[in-house]
Amino acid sequence: MKVQKELSIYMGESTRAMRRQELEGQQSGKGKKKNVFAGDLNGVQDNILMKKQQAQKQALKVVTDTWSGDKKIDDDVKERRERIRSLREEVGNAQKELNEIAEQQEVLRKRYGVDADSEEQKDLELLLKSREARRNPQVSLTKEERERFAEIEGQGRTEYQNRVLELDSYGDYHRDIISKAKQQIEIENNIIRETKKERLKKDPMLAAQKQADAIKEAADKEILGMLVDEGKEHVDKEQEEKKEQAAEAKEKKEEQEELLAKRKDERKEAEKRAEELAESLPMEELLELDQTQGEIQKEIQNIVDKMKLIAEDIKGAAVDTTL
């Protein structure tokens, strides 16, 4: 009887311990699964955030660089317009000097008493024109003017003419300033016009914005791919874990089936030993055995109950394998 009681107690504790370990293992596995996925998700979120920041940085750099380049063009145009203004001031100042020289020449004409329609004045104007022809290729003398110029040079110039021509020589410096300044003004204006034409053909800021949008769009597609890959990887992990859980459940089921078969054998062995014990006892002990028969039956029933409990555990394990 003592042996059967110990056996019964052992079977109950063993079954409960096995069931408790199984439940703790499942809970531990679930907790581990959640932790692993949470960690993976945090890693993906970090990668997504980094990818967005990189895309925004690249897009901002494209726009900023374009804006900087566009601003440089604006600054260059502004500088050229300022240069034109300065050149026009030089032209104005040089022209004032020439006007003063012309006024001095007029003073000389009146001082020498030369009439504006006189032949001496006309000859002076021809001498001035010949000088202008040497300075400016667009000015030329007619055949008659060249012949008259030769006659004047042959007969010599008057004092009045020499004084006026001397003043005119002082104006060469200012004429040179005006000529060069006007050429430079034309160059600067041409550059500004070409710059405006190029801007009309293509808007740098608009192109930069399109490029920035393309960078962000590419980043969004890459992020979507990362999420899809992570989702697939997560599903694969879940499937793998379910397979592992099913394999563990199957293994536990087999172990419990073996334990059940073992317990059945032990039950048969116990019943056999009880019968042998009953046959070997004298009559007076058999009478005492009647008093303990109820206790024996109770122990036997306990063994049967434990067998049922194990059977229920096996059914539960069979259900788990379908997960």
C-alpha atoms as a PDB file:
ATOM      1  CA  MET A   1       0.000   0.000   0.000  1.00  0.00           C
ATOM      2  CA  LYS A   2       2.803   2.406   0.791  1.00  0.00           C
ATOM      3  CA  VAL A   3       4.421   1.664  -2.564  1.00  0.00           C
ATOM      4  CA  GLN A   4       1.184   2.386  -4.429  1.00  0.00           C
ATOM      5  CA  LYS A   5       0.629   5.646  -2.523  1.00  0.00           C
ATOM      6  CA  GLU A   6       4.123   6.878  -3.352  1.00  0.00           C
ATOM      7  CA  LEU A   7       3.626   5.823  -6.957  1.00  0.00           C
ATOM      8  CA  SER A   8       0.324   7.694  -7.135  1.00  0.00           C
ATOM      9  CA  ILE A   9       1.777  10.821  -5.599  1.00  0.00           C
ATOM     10  CA  TYR A  10       4.779  10.698  -7.939  1.00  0.00           C
ATOM     11  CA  MET A  11       2.565  10.326 -11.004  1.00  0.00           C
ATOM     12  CA  GLY A  12       0.391  13.313 -10.017  1.00  0.00           C
ATOM     13  CA  GLU A  13       3.330  15.601  -9.242  1.00  0.00           C
ATOM     14  CA  SER A  14       5.178  14.504 -12.357  1.00  0.00           C
ATOM     15  CA  THR A  15       2.191  15.226 -14.596  1.00  0.00           C
ATOM     16  CA  ARG A  16       1.595  18.607 -13.003  1.00  0.00           C
ATOM     17  CA  ALA A  17       5.274  19.487 -13.291  1.00  0.00           C
ATOM     18  CA  MET A  18       5.328  18.504 -16.955  1.00  0.00           C
ATOM     19  CA  ARG A  19       2.223  20.570 -17.666  1.00  0.00           C
ATOM     20  CA  ARG A  20       3.612  23.531 -15.762  1.00  0.00           C
ATOM     21  CA  GLN A  21       6.907  23.375 -17.677  1.00  0.00           C
ATOM     22  CA  GLU A  22       5.003  23.224 -20.966  1.00  0.00           C
ATOM     23  CA  LEU A  23       2.919  26.308 -20.102  1.00  0.00           C
ATOM     24  CA  GLU A  24       5.976  28.227 -18.905  1.00  0.00           C
ATOM     25  CA  GLY A  25       7.813  27.266 -22.085  1.00  0.00           C
ATOM     26  CA  GLN A  26       4.942  28.508 -24.258  1.00  0.00           C
ATOM     27  CA  GLN A  27       4.687  31.774 -22.344  1.00  0.00           C
ATOM     28  CA  SER A  28       8.441  32.215 -22.441  1.00  0.00           C
ATOM     29  CA  GLY A  29       8.452  31.532 -26.175  1.00  0.00           C
ATOM     30  CA  LYS A  30       5.675  34.063 -26.782  1.00  0.00           C
ATOM     31  CA  GLY A  31       7.449  36.707 -24.771  1.00  0.00           C
ATOM     32  CA  LYS A  32      10.701  36.075 -26.590  1.00  0.00           C
ATOM     33  CA  LYS A  33       8.949  36.278 -29.938  1.00  0.00           C
ATOM     34  CA  LYS A  34       7.436  39.664 -29.123  1.00  0.00           C
ATOM     35  CA  ASN A  35      10.734  41.012 -27.872  1.00  0.00           C
ATOM     36  CA  VAL A  36      12.594  39.879 -30.959  1.00  0.00           C
ATOM     37  CA  PHE A  37      10.024  41.413 -33.312  1.00  0.00           C
ATOM     38  CA  ALA A  38       9.947  44.665 -31.325  1.00  0.00           C
ATOM     39  CA  GLY A  39      13.716  44.879 -31.588  1.00  0.00           C
ATOM     40  CA  ASP A  40      13.647  44.201 -35.320  1.00  0.00           C
ATOM     41  CA  LEU A  41      10.901  46.796 -35.795  1.00  0.00           C
ATOM     42  CA  ASN A  42      12.890  49.404 -33.894  1.00  0.00           C
ATOM     43  CA  GLY A  43      15.856  48.693 -36.140  1.00  0.00           C
ATOM     44  CA  VAL A  44      13.715  49.120 -39.260  1.00  0.00           C
ATOM     45  CA  GLN A  45      12.270  52.368 -37.922  1.00  0.00           C
ATOM     46  CA  ASP A  46      15.793  53.661 -37.295  1.00  0.00           C
ATOM     47  CA  ASN A  47      16.789  52.752 -40.866  1.00  0.00           C
ATOM     48  CA  ILE A  48      13.664  54.426 -42.251  1.00  0.00           C
ATOM     49  CA  LEU A  49      14.329  57.577 -40.240  1.00  0.00           C
ATOM     50  CA  MET A  50      17.953  57.617 -41.380  1.00  0.00           C
ATOM     51  CA  LYS A  51      16.894  57.099 -45.014  1.00  0.00           C
ATOM     52  CA  LYS A  52      14.386  59.974 -44.802  1.00  0.00           C
ATOM     53  CA  GLN A  53      16.965  62.261 -43.224  1.00  0.00           C
ATOM     54  CA  GLN A  54      19.490  61.404 -45.928  1.00  0.00           C
ATOM     55  CA  ALA A  55      16.927  62.071 -48.682  1.00  0.00           C
ATOM     56  CA  GLN A  56      15.903  65.389 -47.127  1.00  0.00           C
ATOM     57  CA  LYS A  57      19.553  66.376 -46.753  1.00  0.00           C
ATOM     58  CA  GLN A  58      20.311  65.526 -50.389  1.00  0.00           C
ATOM     59  CA  ALA A  59      17.186  67.314 -51.636  1.00  0.00           C
ATOM     60  CA  LEU A  60      18.004  70.375 -49.542  1.00  0.00           C
ATOM     61  CA  LYS A  61      21.577  70.372 -50.861  1.00  0.00           C
ATOM     62  CA  VAL A  62      20.337  70.276 -54.467  1.00  0.00           C
ATOM     63  CA  VAL A  63      17.985  73.211 -53.892  1.00  0.00           C
ATOM     64  CA  THR A  64      20.547  75.125 -51.819  1.00  0.00           C
ATOM     65  CA  ASP A  65      23.330  74.617 -54.365  1.00  0.00           C
ATOM     66  CA  THR A  66      21.026  75.703 -57.178  1.00  0.00           C
ATOM     67  CA  TRP A  67      19.858  78.681 -55.188  1.00  0.00           C
ATOM     68  CA  SER A  68      23.480  79.586 -54.460  1.00  0.00           C
ATOM     69  CA  GLY A  69      24.350  79.275 -58.140  1.00  0.00           C
ATOM     70  CA  ASP A  70      21.288  81.294 -59.102  1.00  0.00           C
ATOM     71  CA  LYS A  71      22.213  83.933 -56.546  1.00  0.00           C
ATOM     72  CA  LYS A  72      25.726  84.097 -57.969  1.00  0.00           C
ATOM     73  CA  ILE A  73      24.211  84.807 -61.380  1.00  0.00           C
ATOM     74  CA  ASP A  74      22.043  87.530 -59.859  1.00  0.00           C
ATOM     75  CA  ASP A  75      25.051  89.004 -58.113  1.00  0.00           C
ATOM     76  CA  ASP A  76      27.054  88.870 -61.341  1.00  0.00           C
ATOM     77  CA  VAL A  77      24.288  90.675 -63.273  1.00  0.00           C
ATOM     78  CA  LYS A  78      24.048  93.215 -60.484  1.00  0.00           C
ATOM     79  CA  GLU A  79      27.811  93.822 -60.637  1.00  0.00           C
ATOM     80  CA  ARG A  80      27.680  94.221 -64.419  1.00  0.00           C
ATOM     81  CA  ARG A  81      24.887  96.765 -64.176  1.00  0.00           C
ATOM     82  CA  GLU A  82      26.869  98.649 -61.581  1.00  0.00           C
ATOM     83  CA  ARG A  83      29.855  98.533 -63.921  1.00  0.00           C
ATOM     84  CA  ILE A  84      27.729  99.951 -66.734  1.00  0.00           C
ATOM     85  CA  ARG A  85      26.552 102.767 -64.465  1.00  0.00           C
ATOM     86  CA  SER A  86      30.165 103.561 -63.559  1.00  0.00           C
ATOM     87  CA  LEU A  87      31.233 103.499 -67.226  1.00  0.00           C
ATOM     88  CA  ARG A  88      28.406 105.825 -68.158  1.00  0.00           C
ATOM     89  CA  GLU A  89      29.606 108.239 -65.492  1.00  0.00           C
ATOM     90  CA  GLU A  90      33.084 108.108 -67.048  1.00  0.00           C
ATOM     91  CA  VAL A  91      31.566 108.822 -70.463  1.00  0.00           C
ATOM     92  CA  GLY A  92      29.628 111.738 -69.006  1.00  0.00           C
ATOM     93  CA  ASN A  93      32.658 113.212 -67.293  1.00  0.00           C
ATOM     94  CA  ALA A  94      34.817 112.826 -70.421  1.00  0.00           C
ATOM     95  CA  GLN A  95      32.087 114.401 -72.533  1.00  0.00           C
ATOM     96  CA  LYS A  96      31.995 117.372 -70.184  1.00  0.00           C
ATOM     97  CA  GLU A  97      35.734 117.851 -70.760  1.00  0.00           C
ATOM     98  CA  LEU A  98      35.208 117.754 -74.510  1.00  0.00           C
ATOM     99  CA  ASN A  99      32.375 120.262 -74.229  1.00  0.00           C
ATOM    100  CA  GLU A 100      34.668 122.591 -72.314  1.00  0.00           C
ATOM    101  CA  ILE A 101      37.303 122.251 -75.029  1.00  0.00           C
ATOM    102  CA  ALA A 102      34.645 123.061 -77.655  1.00  0.00           C
ATOM    103  CA  GLU A 103      33.688 126.165 -75.666  1.00  0.00           C
ATOM    104  CA  GLN A 104      37.348 127.244 -75.525  1.00  0.00           C
ATOM    105  CA  GLN A 105      37.613 126.775 -79.286  1.00  0.00           C
ATOM    106  CA  GLU A 106      34.557 128.993 -79.728  1.00  0.00           C
ATOM    107  CA  VAL A 107      36.165 131.639 -77.503  1.00  0.00           C
ATOM    108  CA  LEU A 108      39.266 131.541 -79.715  1.00  0.00           C
ATOM    109  CA  ARG A 109      37.178 131.982 -82.877  1.00  0.00           C
ATOM    110  CA  LYS A 110      35.586 135.113 -81.475  1.00  0.00           C
ATOM    111  CA  ARG A 111      38.878 136.412 -80.137  1.00  0.00           C
ATOM    112  CA  TYR A 112      40.528 136.050 -83.582  1.00  0.00           C
ATOM    113  CA  GLY A 113      37.466 137.492 -85.230  1.00  0.00           C
ATOM    114  CA  VAL A 114      36.904 134.501 -87.547  1.00  0.00           C
ATOM    115  CA  ASP A 115      33.429 134.365 -88.984  1.00  0.00           C
ATOM    116  CA  ALA A 116      31.540 131.006 -88.723  1.00  0.00           C
ATOM    117  CA  ASP A 117      30.944 130.990 -92.520  1.00  0.00           C
ATOM    118  CA  SER A 118      34.429 132.121 -93.487  1.00  0.00           C
ATOM    119  CA  GLU A 119      36.787 130.028 -95.618  1.00  0.00           C
ATOM    120  CA  GLU A 120      39.327 129.903 -92.719  1.00  0.00           C
ATOM    121  CA  GLN A 121      36.704 128.354 -90.440  1.00  0.00           C
ATOM    122  CA  LYS A 122      35.627 125.859 -93.107  1.00  0.00           C
ATOM    123  CA  ASP A 123      39.266 124.888 -93.682  1.00  0.00           C
ATOM    124  CA  LEU A 124      39.615 124.367 -89.872  1.00  0.00           C
ATOM    125  CA  GLU A 125      36.579 122.111 -89.852  1.00  0.00           C
ATOM    126  CA  LEU A 126      38.134 120.094 -92.684  1.00  0.00           C
ATOM    127  CA  LEU A 127      41.376 119.764 -90.694  1.00  0.00           C
ATOM    128  CA  LEU A 128      39.364 118.555 -87.668  1.00  0.00           C
ATOM    129  CA  LYS A 129      37.466 116.065 -89.863  1.00  0.00           C
ATOM    130  CA  SER A 130      40.712 114.618 -91.210  1.00  0.00           C
ATOM    131  CA  ARG A 131      41.837 114.039 -87.632  1.00  0.00           C
ATOM    132  CA  GLU A 132      38.539 112.339 -86.815  1.00  0.00           C
ATOM    133  CA  ALA A 133      38.965 110.107 -89.891  1.00  0.00           C
ATOM    134  CA  ARG A 134      42.291 108.913 -88.498  1.00  0.00           C
ATOM    135  CA  ARG A 135      40.652 108.094 -85.149  1.00  0.00           C
ATOM    136  CA  ASN A 136      37.410 106.622 -86.505  1.00  0.00           C
ATOM    137  CA  PRO A 137      37.357 104.248 -89.494  1.00  0.00           C
ATOM    138  CA  GLN A 138      33.710 105.092 -90.082  1.00  0.00           C
ATOM    139  CA  VAL A 139      34.630 108.672 -90.969  1.00  0.00           C
ATOM    140  CA  SER A 140      36.213 109.314 -94.366  1.00  0.00           C
ATOM    141  CA  LEU A 141      37.001 112.294 -96.636  1.00  0.00           C
ATOM    142  CA  THR A 142      35.596 112.762-100.116  1.00  0.00           C
ATOM    143  CA  LYS A 143      37.873 113.232-103.077  1.00  0.00           C
ATOM    144  CA  GLU A 144      37.282 117.013-103.068  1.00  0.00           C
ATOM    145  CA  GLU A 145      37.974 117.158 -99.330  1.00  0.00           C
ATOM    146  CA  ARG A 146      41.269 115.299 -99.715  1.00  0.00           C
ATOM    147  CA  GLU A 147      42.362 117.700-102.478  1.00  0.00           C
ATOM    148  CA  ARG A 148      41.485 120.737-100.369  1.00  0.00           C
ATOM    149  CA  PHE A 149      43.237 119.209 -97.353  1.00  0.00           C
ATOM    150  CA  ALA A 150      46.433 118.884 -99.411  1.00  0.00           C
ATOM    151  CA  GLU A 151      46.175 122.541-100.467  1.00  0.00           C
ATOM    152  CA  ILE A 152      45.784 123.676 -96.859  1.00  0.00           C
ATOM    153  CA  GLU A 153      48.766 121.667 -95.751  1.00  0.00           C
ATOM    154  CA  GLY A 154      50.728 123.127 -98.661  1.00  0.00           C
ATOM    155  CA  GLN A 155      49.974 126.734 -97.939  1.00  0.00           C
ATOM    156  CA  GLY A 156      50.251 126.345 -94.149  1.00  0.00           C
ATOM    157  CA  ARG A 157      47.810 126.874 -91.322  1.00  0.00           C
ATOM    158  CA  THR A 158      46.817 130.098 -89.670  1.00  0.00           C
ATOM    159  CA  GLU A 159      47.585 130.874 -86.007  1.00  0.00           C
ATOM    160  CA  TYR A 160      43.927 130.518 -85.142  1.00  0.00           C
ATOM    161  CA  GLN A 161      43.777 127.086 -86.770  1.00  0.00           C
ATOM    162  CA  ASN A 162      46.898 125.899 -84.916  1.00  0.00           C
ATOM    163  CA  ARG A 163      45.500 127.051 -81.557  1.00  0.00           C
ATOM    164  CA  VAL A 164      42.199 125.260 -82.149  1.00  0.00           C
ATOM    165  CA  LEU A 165      43.958 122.079 -83.323  1.00  0.00           C
ATOM    166  CA  GLU A 166      46.123 122.176 -80.194  1.00  0.00           C
ATOM    167  CA  LEU A 167      43.027 122.296 -77.995  1.00  0.00           C
ATOM    168  CA  ASP A 168      41.550 119.461 -80.026  1.00  0.00           C
ATOM    169  CA  SER A 169      44.648 117.355 -79.241  1.00  0.00           C
ATOM    170  CA  TYR A 170      43.897 117.752 -75.533  1.00  0.00           C
ATOM    171  CA  GLY A 171      40.553 116.146 -76.164  1.00  0.00           C
ATOM    172  CA  ASP A 172      42.074 112.939 -77.566  1.00  0.00           C
ATOM    173  CA  TYR A 173      42.523 111.565 -74.056  1.00  0.00           C
ATOM    174  CA  HIS A 174      38.858 112.054 -73.209  1.00  0.00           C
ATOM    175  CA  ARG A 175      37.710 110.707 -76.566  1.00  0.00           C
ATOM    176  CA  ASP A 176      39.707 107.545 -75.907  1.00  0.00           C
ATOM    177  CA  ILE A 177      37.995 107.163 -72.510  1.00  0.00           C
ATOM    178  CA  ILE A 178      34.567 107.559 -74.119  1.00  0.00           C
ATOM    179  CA  SER A 179      35.348 105.049 -76.920  1.00  0.00           C
ATOM    180  CA  LYS A 180      36.627 102.331 -74.588  1.00  0.00           C
ATOM    181  CA  ALA A 181      33.843 102.878 -72.062  1.00  0.00           C
ATOM    182  CA  LYS A 182      31.166 102.563 -74.756  1.00  0.00           C
ATOM    183  CA  GLN A 183      32.717  99.329 -76.016  1.00  0.00           C
ATOM    184  CA  GLN A 184      32.767  97.913 -72.494  1.00  0.00           C
ATOM    185  CA  ILE A 185      29.153  98.998 -71.926  1.00  0.00           C
ATOM    186  CA  GLU A 186      28.109  97.146 -75.070  1.00  0.00           C
ATOM    187  CA  ILE A 187      29.933  94.008 -73.914  1.00  0.00           C
ATOM    188  CA  GLU A 188      28.304  94.118 -70.473  1.00  0.00           C
ATOM    189  CA  ASN A 189      24.843  94.641 -71.982  1.00  0.00           C
ATOM    190  CA  ASN A 190      25.328  91.667 -74.321  1.00  0.00           C
ATOM    191  CA  ILE A 191      26.297  89.417 -71.405  1.00  0.00           C
ATOM    192  CA  ILE A 192      23.233  90.501 -69.427  1.00  0.00           C
ATOM    193  CA  ARG A 193      20.950  89.867 -72.404  1.00  0.00           C
ATOM    194  CA  GLU A 194      22.384  86.365 -72.960  1.00  0.00           C
ATOM    195  CA  THR A 195      21.989  85.568 -69.270  1.00  0.00           C
ATOM    196  CA  LYS A 196      18.317  86.549 -69.411  1.00  0.00           C
ATOM    197  CA  LYS A 197      17.792  84.398 -72.512  1.00  0.00           C
ATOM    198  CA  GLU A 198      19.309  81.360 -70.807  1.00  0.00           C
ATOM    199  CA  ARG A 199      17.062  81.857 -67.801  1.00  0.00           C
ATOM    200  CA  LEU A 200      14.010  81.993 -70.029  1.00  0.00           C
ATOM    201  CA  LYS A 201      15.019  78.684 -71.635  1.00  0.00           C
ATOM    202  CA  LYS A 202      15.321  76.816 -68.329  1.00  0.00           C
ATOM    203  CA  ASP A 203      14.401  77.718 -64.785  1.00  0.00           C
ATOM    204  CA  PRO A 204      17.240  76.448 -62.521  1.00  0.00           C
ATOM    205  CA  MET A 205      15.132  76.554 -59.357  1.00  0.00           C
ATOM    206  CA  LEU A 206      12.277  74.642 -60.991  1.00  0.00           C
ATOM    207  CA  ALA A 207      14.705  72.002 -62.254  1.00  0.00           C
ATOM    208  CA  ALA A 208      16.276  71.788 -58.790  1.00  0.00           C
ATOM    209  CA  GLN A 209      12.873  71.309 -57.165  1.00  0.00           C
ATOM    210  CA  LYS A 210      12.056  68.500 -59.600  1.00  0.00           C
ATOM    211  CA  GLN A 211      15.376  66.847 -58.802  1.00  0.00           C
ATOM    212  CA  ALA A 212      14.716  67.195 -55.075  1.00  0.00           C
ATOM    213  CA  ASP A 213      11.256  65.628 -55.514  1.00  0.00           C
ATOM    214  CA  ALA A 214      12.827  62.768 -57.463  1.00  0.00           C
ATOM    215  CA  ILE A 215      15.299  62.136 -54.609  1.00  0.00           C
ATOM    216  CA  LYS A 216      12.469  62.018 -52.062  1.00  0.00           C
ATOM    217  CA  GLU A 217      10.374  59.753 -54.286  1.00  0.00           C
ATOM    218  CA  ALA A 218      13.281  57.328 -54.705  1.00  0.00           C
ATOM    219  CA  ALA A 219      13.785  57.312 -50.928  1.00  0.00           C
ATOM    220  CA  ASP A 220      10.077  56.580 -50.368  1.00  0.00           C
ATOM    221  CA  LYS A 221      10.265  53.630 -52.767  1.00  0.00           C
ATOM    222  CA  GLU A 222      13.350  52.303 -50.991  1.00  0.00           C
ATOM    223  CA  ILE A 223      11.626  52.688 -47.610  1.00  0.00           C
ATOM    224  CA  LEU A 224       8.593  50.804 -48.941  1.00  0.00           C
ATOM    225  CA  GLY A 225      10.903  48.022 -50.094  1.00  0.00           C
ATOM    226  CA  MET A 226      12.494  47.906 -46.645  1.00  0.00           C
ATOM    227  CA  LEU A 227       9.071  47.551 -45.024  1.00  0.00           C
ATOM    228  CA  VAL A 228       8.041  44.817 -47.448  1.00  0.00           C
ATOM    229  CA  ASP A 229      11.281  42.917 -46.834  1.00  0.00           C
ATOM    230  CA  GLU A 230      10.874  43.308 -43.080  1.00  0.00           C
ATOM    231  CA  GLY A 231       7.269  42.076 -43.292  1.00  0.00           C
ATOM    232  CA  LYS A 232       8.322  39.028 -45.281  1.00  0.00           C
ATOM    233  CA  GLU A 233      11.137  38.326 -42.858  1.00  0.00           C
ATOM    234  CA  HIS A 234       8.746  38.648 -39.915  1.00  0.00           C
ATOM    235  CA  VAL A 235       6.227  36.252 -41.539  1.00  0.00           C
ATOM    236  CA  ASP A 236       9.030  33.783 -42.258  1.00  0.00           C
ATOM    237  CA  LYS A 237      10.160  33.985 -38.636  1.00  0.00           C
ATOM    238  CA  GLU A 238       6.615  33.397 -37.411  1.00  0.00           C
ATOM    239  CA  GLN A 239       6.188  30.403 -39.687  1.00  0.00           C
ATOM    240  CA  GLU A 240       9.523  29.014 -38.553  1.00  0.00           C
ATOM    241  CA  GLU A 241       8.560  29.514 -34.920  1.00  0.00           C
ATOM    242  CA  LYS A 242       5.196  27.791 -35.495  1.00  0.00           C
ATOM    243  CA  LYS A 243       7.010  24.864 -37.081  1.00  0.00           C
ATOM    244  CA  GLU A 244       9.333  24.708 -34.093  1.00  0.00           C
ATOM    245  CA  GLN A 245       6.389  24.886 -31.687  1.00  0.00           C
ATOM    246  CA  ALA A 246       4.571  22.134 -33.597  1.00  0.00           C
ATOM    247  CA  ALA A 247       7.694  19.973 -33.509  1.00  0.00           C
ATOM    248  CA  GLU A 248       8.071  20.586 -29.761  1.00  0.00           C
ATOM    249  CA  ALA A 249       4.388  19.775 -29.178  1.00  0.00           C
ATOM    250  CA  LYS A 250       4.726  16.593 -31.202  1.00  0.00           C
ATOM    251  CA  GLU A 251       7.803  15.616 -29.212  1.00  0.00           C
ATOM    252  CA  LYS A 252       6.042  16.297 -25.925  1.00  0.00           C
ATOM    253  CA  LYS A 253       3.032  14.295 -27.111  1.00  0.00           C
ATOM    254  CA  GLU A 254       5.270  11.333 -27.878  1.00  0.00           C
ATOM    255  CA  GLU A 255       6.919  11.652 -24.474  1.00  0.00           C
ATOM    256  CA  GLN A 256       3.542  11.739 -22.750  1.00  0.00           C
ATOM    257  CA  GLU A 257       2.341   8.739 -24.751  1.00  0.00           C
ATOM    258  CA  GLU A 258       5.423   6.859 -23.648  1.00  0.00           C
ATOM    259  CA  LEU A 259       4.785   7.966 -20.068  1.00  0.00           C
ATOM    260  CA  LEU A 260       1.153   6.830 -20.338  1.00  0.00           C
ATOM    261  CA  ALA A 261       2.211   3.414 -21.653  1.00  0.00           C
ATOM    262  CA  LYS A 262       4.726   3.191 -18.817  1.00  0.00           C
ATOM    263  CA  ARG A 263       2.062   4.073 -16.269  1.00  0.00           C
ATOM    264  CA  LYS A 264      -0.254   1.440 -17.720  1.00  0.00           C
ATOM    265  CA  ASP A 265       2.460  -1.153 -17.368  1.00  0.00           C
ATOM    266  CA  GLU A 266       3.087  -0.033 -13.822  1.00  0.00           C
ATOM    267  CA  ARG A 267      -0.640  -0.322 -13.095  1.00  0.00           C
ATOM    268  CA  LYS A 268      -0.753  -3.870 -14.423  1.00  0.00           C
ATOM    269  CA  GLU A 269       2.357  -4.711 -12.431  1.00  0.00           C
ATOM    270  CA  ALA A 270       0.815  -3.251  -9.283  1.00  0.00           C
ATOM    271  CA  GLU A 271      -2.410  -5.197  -9.758  1.00  0.00           C
ATOM    272  CA  LYS A 272      -0.442  -8.389 -10.366  1.00  0.00           C
ATOM    273  CA  ARG A 273       1.618  -7.889  -7.257  1.00  0.00           C
ATOM    274  CA  ALA A 274      -1.535  -7.206  -5.278  1.00  0.00           C
ATOM    275  CA  GLU A 275      -3.054 -10.475  -6.454  1.00  0.00           C
ATOM    276  CA  GLU A 276       0.127 -12.389  -5.646  1.00  0.00           C
ATOM    277  CA  LEU A 277       0.230 -10.790  -2.246  1.00  0.00           C
ATOM    278  CA  ALA A 278      -3.383 -11.747  -1.587  1.00  0.00           C
ATOM    279  CA  GLU A 279      -2.758 -15.379  -2.561  1.00  0.00           C
ATOM    280  CA  SER A 280       0.320 -15.636  -0.353  1.00  0.00           C
ATOM    281  CA  LEU A 281      -1.364 -14.257   2.798  1.00  0.00           C
ATOM    282  CA  PRO A 282      -2.862 -16.655   5.471  1.00  0.00           C
ATOM    283  CA  MET A 283      -6.576 -16.668   6.132  1.00  0.00           C
ATOM    284  CA  GLU A 284      -6.399 -14.315   9.127  1.00  0.00           C
ATOM    285  CA  GLU A 285      -4.450 -11.801   7.086  1.00  0.00           C
ATOM    286  CA  LEU A 286      -6.993 -12.160   4.310  1.00  0.00           C
ATOM    287  CA  LEU A 287      -9.622 -11.132   6.817  1.00  0.00           C
ATOM    288  CA  GLU A 288      -7.583  -8.050   7.606  1.00  0.00           C
ATOM    289  CA  LEU A 289      -7.152  -7.504   3.899  1.00  0.00           C
ATOM    290  CA  ASP A 290     -10.911  -7.058   3.571  1.00  0.00           C
ATOM    291  CA  GLN A 291     -10.606  -4.064   5.811  1.00  0.00           C
ATOM    292  CA  THR A 292      -7.974  -2.501   3.552  1.00  0.00           C
ATOM    293  CA  GLN A 293      -9.642  -3.508   0.318  1.00  0.00           C
ATOM    294  CA  GLY A 294     -11.430  -0.221   0.134  1.00  0.00           C
ATOM    295  CA  GLU A 295      -8.136   1.621   0.470  1.00  0.00           C
ATOM    296  CA  ILE A 296      -6.606  -0.537  -2.245  1.00  0.00           C
ATOM    297  CA  GLN A 297      -9.512   0.180  -4.535  1.00  0.00           C
ATOM    298  CA  LYS A 298      -9.115   3.861  -3.762  1.00  0.00           C
ATOM    299  CA  GLU A 299      -5.443   3.784  -4.723  1.00  0.00           C
ATOM    300  CA  ILE A 300      -6.278   1.894  -7.878  1.00  0.00           C
ATOM    301  CA  GLN A 301      -8.908   4.492  -8.705  1.00  0.00           C
ATOM    302  CA  ASN A 302      -6.325   7.207  -8.091  1.00  0.00           C
ATOM    303  CA  ILE A 303      -4.070   5.542 -10.622  1.00  0.00           C
ATOM    304  CA  VAL A 304      -6.948   5.400 -13.129  1.00  0.00           C
ATOM    305  CA  ASP A 305      -7.696   9.096 -12.518  1.00  0.00           C
ATOM    306  CA  LYS A 306      -4.061   9.957 -13.133  1.00  0.00           C
ATOM    307  CA  MET A 307      -4.170   8.015 -16.375  1.00  0.00           C
ATOM    308  CA  LYS A 308      -7.172  10.062 -17.475  1.00  0.00           C
ATOM    309  CA  LEU A 309      -5.338  13.272 -16.608  1.00  0.00           C
ATOM    310  CA  ILE A 310      -2.404  12.181 -18.735  1.00  0.00           C
ATOM    311  CA  ALA A 311      -4.790  11.322 -21.581  1.00  0.00           C
ATOM    312  CA  GLU A 312      -6.300  14.805 -21.372  1.00  0.00           C
ATOM    313  CA  ASP A 313      -2.805  16.317 -21.539  1.00  0.00           C
ATOM    314  CA  ILE A 314      -2.100  14.286 -24.640  1.00  0.00           C
ATOM    315  CA  LYS A 315      -5.283  15.579 -26.244  1.00  0.00           C
ATOM    316  CA  GLY A 316      -4.210  19.129 -25.430  1.00  0.00           C
ATOM    317  CA  ALA A 317      -0.824  18.533 -26.993  1.00  0.00           C
ATOM    318  CA  ALA A 318      -2.544  17.158 -30.096  1.00  0.00           C
ATOM    319  CA  VAL A 319      -4.556  20.372 -30.392  1.00  0.00           C
ATOM    320  CA  ASP A 320      -1.377  22.479 -30.046  1.00  0.00           C
ATOM    321  CA  THR A 321       0.195  20.784 -33.042  1.00  0.00           C
ATOM    322  CA  THR A 322      -2.440  22.333 -35.314  1.00  0.00           C
ATOM    323  CA  LEU A 323      -1.194  25.854 -34.531  1.00  0.00           C
END
